Every structure is written in structure tokens, then in C-alpha cells.
């Protein structure tokens, strides 16, 4: 059995947030993570659940929207560095959102 995992940095890049924000989500119990030795990792299934909860509760501050593929590949130093995502990160995030939408649609059909 294989599991897809993401680091705090990967999740932060996927959603255009800081690593501190993702760590707060974990600390507040909104996003599950597990520790492997000294490293925190997030299972793809836990990430999908977090995204689903954020989408269901649009009144919260975390609203997930697809990212345009036109994001610059390199952040400028004056922009603070963490506000842009690479095309690979954008593609990975959009794939994750598509999987979530398919899973949600399947749940609704089976209900």
C-alpha cells in the first residue's frame, strides 16, 4: 500500500499560504498531519478532507479557488518570495482539486 504525502512547504506552495499558516491549521486541529521522525507530513487523503471542509464552510477565511496557470515561475525579491507558485505546483493543486470534486460527486450519487 502506498500513500502520497506532502510536506508543510509543498502544501503552503499549493495553496499560496505561508508555512506558518499551514502549521497553525495543524495546531488548531483543522488539518491532520503526522510526524515521521523529525518531519511533519500530510497525507493526500487528509489534505483532501481539509480542502473539502474549507469549501463546505465558505464563511471561513480559507476559501479554495483554482489557481490560474499563468502564475510567474520565479518570485521577485521585492514581492516577498512566497506569493507566487510554479506551474508544477499549480498543476498539482488543480489535480488534487479535481480528485476532490470527483470524490464529492461520487458520494452524492451514492447517497
Protein backbone atom coordinates (compact mmCIF):
# COMPACT_ATOMS: atom_id res chain seq x y z
CA UNK A 1 0.00 0.00 0.00
CA UNK A 2 1.41 3.40 -0.94
CA UNK A 3 0.45 6.80 0.35
CA UNK A 4 1.03 10.18 -1.20
CA UNK A 5 2.37 12.65 1.34
CA UNK A 6 3.13 16.34 1.23
CA UNK A 7 5.47 18.46 3.31
CA UNK A 8 4.36 21.65 5.03
CA UNK A 9 6.24 23.63 2.38
CA UNK A 10 4.50 21.79 -0.50
CA UNK A 11 1.05 22.42 0.96
CA UNK A 12 1.88 26.07 1.59
CA UNK A 13 3.02 26.48 -2.03
CA UNK A 14 -0.04 24.65 -3.39
CA UNK A 15 -2.44 27.00 -1.64
CA UNK A 16 -0.41 30.20 -1.75
CA UNK A 17 -0.08 30.37 2.02
CA UNK A 18 2.86 30.66 4.36
CA UNK A 19 4.28 27.64 6.14
CA UNK A 20 3.27 29.30 9.42
CA UNK A 21 -0.37 29.39 8.29
CA UNK A 22 -0.32 25.67 7.46
CA UNK A 23 1.32 24.92 10.81
CA UNK A 24 -1.43 26.93 12.57
CA UNK A 25 -4.08 24.90 10.71
CA UNK A 26 -2.39 21.75 12.02
CA UNK A 27 -2.02 23.13 15.56
CA UNK A 28 -5.69 24.22 15.59
CA UNK A 29 -6.77 20.72 14.56
CA UNK A 30 -8.16 21.76 11.18
CA UNK A 31 -5.57 19.85 9.14
CA UNK A 32 -4.22 16.45 10.17
CA UNK A 33 -0.52 15.76 9.93
CA UNK A 34 1.72 13.01 11.17
CA UNK A 35 5.26 13.11 12.35
CA UNK A 36 7.82 10.80 10.80
CA UNK A 37 10.97 11.19 12.83
CA UNK A 38 11.50 14.95 12.95
CA UNK A 39 9.41 15.76 9.87
CA UNK A 40 5.70 16.59 9.65
CA UNK A 41 3.92 15.15 6.62
CA UNK A 42 0.35 15.43 5.43
CA UNK A 43 -1.39 12.53 3.74
CA UNK A 44 -3.16 13.35 0.49
CA UNK A 45 -6.41 11.98 1.92
CA UNK A 46 -6.15 14.33 4.93
CA UNK A 47 -5.37 17.23 2.63
CA UNK A 48 -8.43 16.43 0.52
CA UNK A 49 -10.63 16.33 3.63
CA UNK A 50 -9.26 19.72 4.74
CA UNK A 51 -9.96 21.23 1.31
CA UNK A 52 -13.46 19.75 1.31
CA UNK A 53 -14.22 21.21 4.75
CA UNK A 54 -12.91 24.59 3.62
CA UNK A 55 -15.11 24.51 0.54
CA UNK A 56 -18.18 23.48 2.52
CA UNK A 57 -17.67 26.26 5.02
CA UNK A 58 -17.23 29.26 2.73
CA UNK A 59 -17.76 31.64 5.61
CA UNK A 60 -14.37 30.63 7.00
CA UNK A 61 -11.28 32.50 5.93
CA UNK A 62 -9.96 29.55 3.88
CA UNK A 63 -11.76 29.54 0.56
CA UNK A 64 -10.17 27.28 -2.04
CA UNK A 65 -10.16 28.54 -5.60
CA UNK A 66 -8.39 27.11 -8.65
CA UNK A 67 -5.18 28.92 -9.44
CA UNK A 68 -4.57 30.28 -12.93
CA UNK A 69 -1.75 28.58 -14.82
CA UNK A 70 -0.28 31.98 -15.65
CA UNK A 71 1.47 32.42 -12.30
CA UNK A 72 5.09 33.59 -12.57
CA UNK A 73 7.62 30.81 -12.14
CA UNK A 74 10.07 32.81 -10.04
CA UNK A 75 9.04 35.18 -7.27
CA UNK A 76 10.62 38.59 -7.28
CA UNK A 77 12.66 39.53 -4.25
CA UNK A 78 10.55 42.65 -3.70
CA UNK A 79 7.34 40.59 -3.60
CA UNK A 80 8.40 38.69 -0.51
CA UNK A 81 9.10 35.45 -2.32
CA UNK A 82 6.20 33.26 -1.20
CA UNK A 83 3.27 34.82 -3.07
CA UNK A 84 3.86 33.07 -6.42
CA UNK A 85 3.65 29.43 -7.32
CA UNK A 86 5.38 27.50 -10.05
CA UNK A 87 3.35 25.89 -12.85
CA UNK A 88 4.16 22.44 -11.41
CA UNK A 89 2.69 23.38 -8.03
CA UNK A 90 -0.38 24.90 -9.71
CA UNK A 91 -0.89 21.73 -11.75
CA UNK A 92 -0.53 19.50 -8.67
CA UNK A 93 -3.03 21.61 -6.73
CA UNK A 94 -5.54 21.57 -9.58
CA UNK A 95 -5.22 17.78 -9.90
CA UNK A 96 -5.91 17.47 -6.17
CA UNK A 97 -8.99 19.70 -6.53
CA UNK A 98 -10.24 17.63 -9.47
CA UNK A 99 -9.87 14.42 -7.43
CA UNK A 100 -11.79 16.05 -4.61
CA UNK A 101 -14.58 17.12 -6.94
CA UNK A 102 -14.84 13.58 -8.37
CA UNK A 103 -14.92 12.06 -4.89
CA UNK A 104 -17.60 14.52 -3.77
CA UNK A 105 -19.71 13.84 -6.88
CA UNK A 106 -19.42 10.08 -6.31
CA UNK A 107 -20.52 10.46 -2.67
CA UNK A 108 -23.56 12.47 -3.72
CA UNK A 109 -24.57 9.93 -6.39
CA UNK A 110 -24.28 7.06 -3.90
CA UNK A 111 -26.34 8.87 -1.24
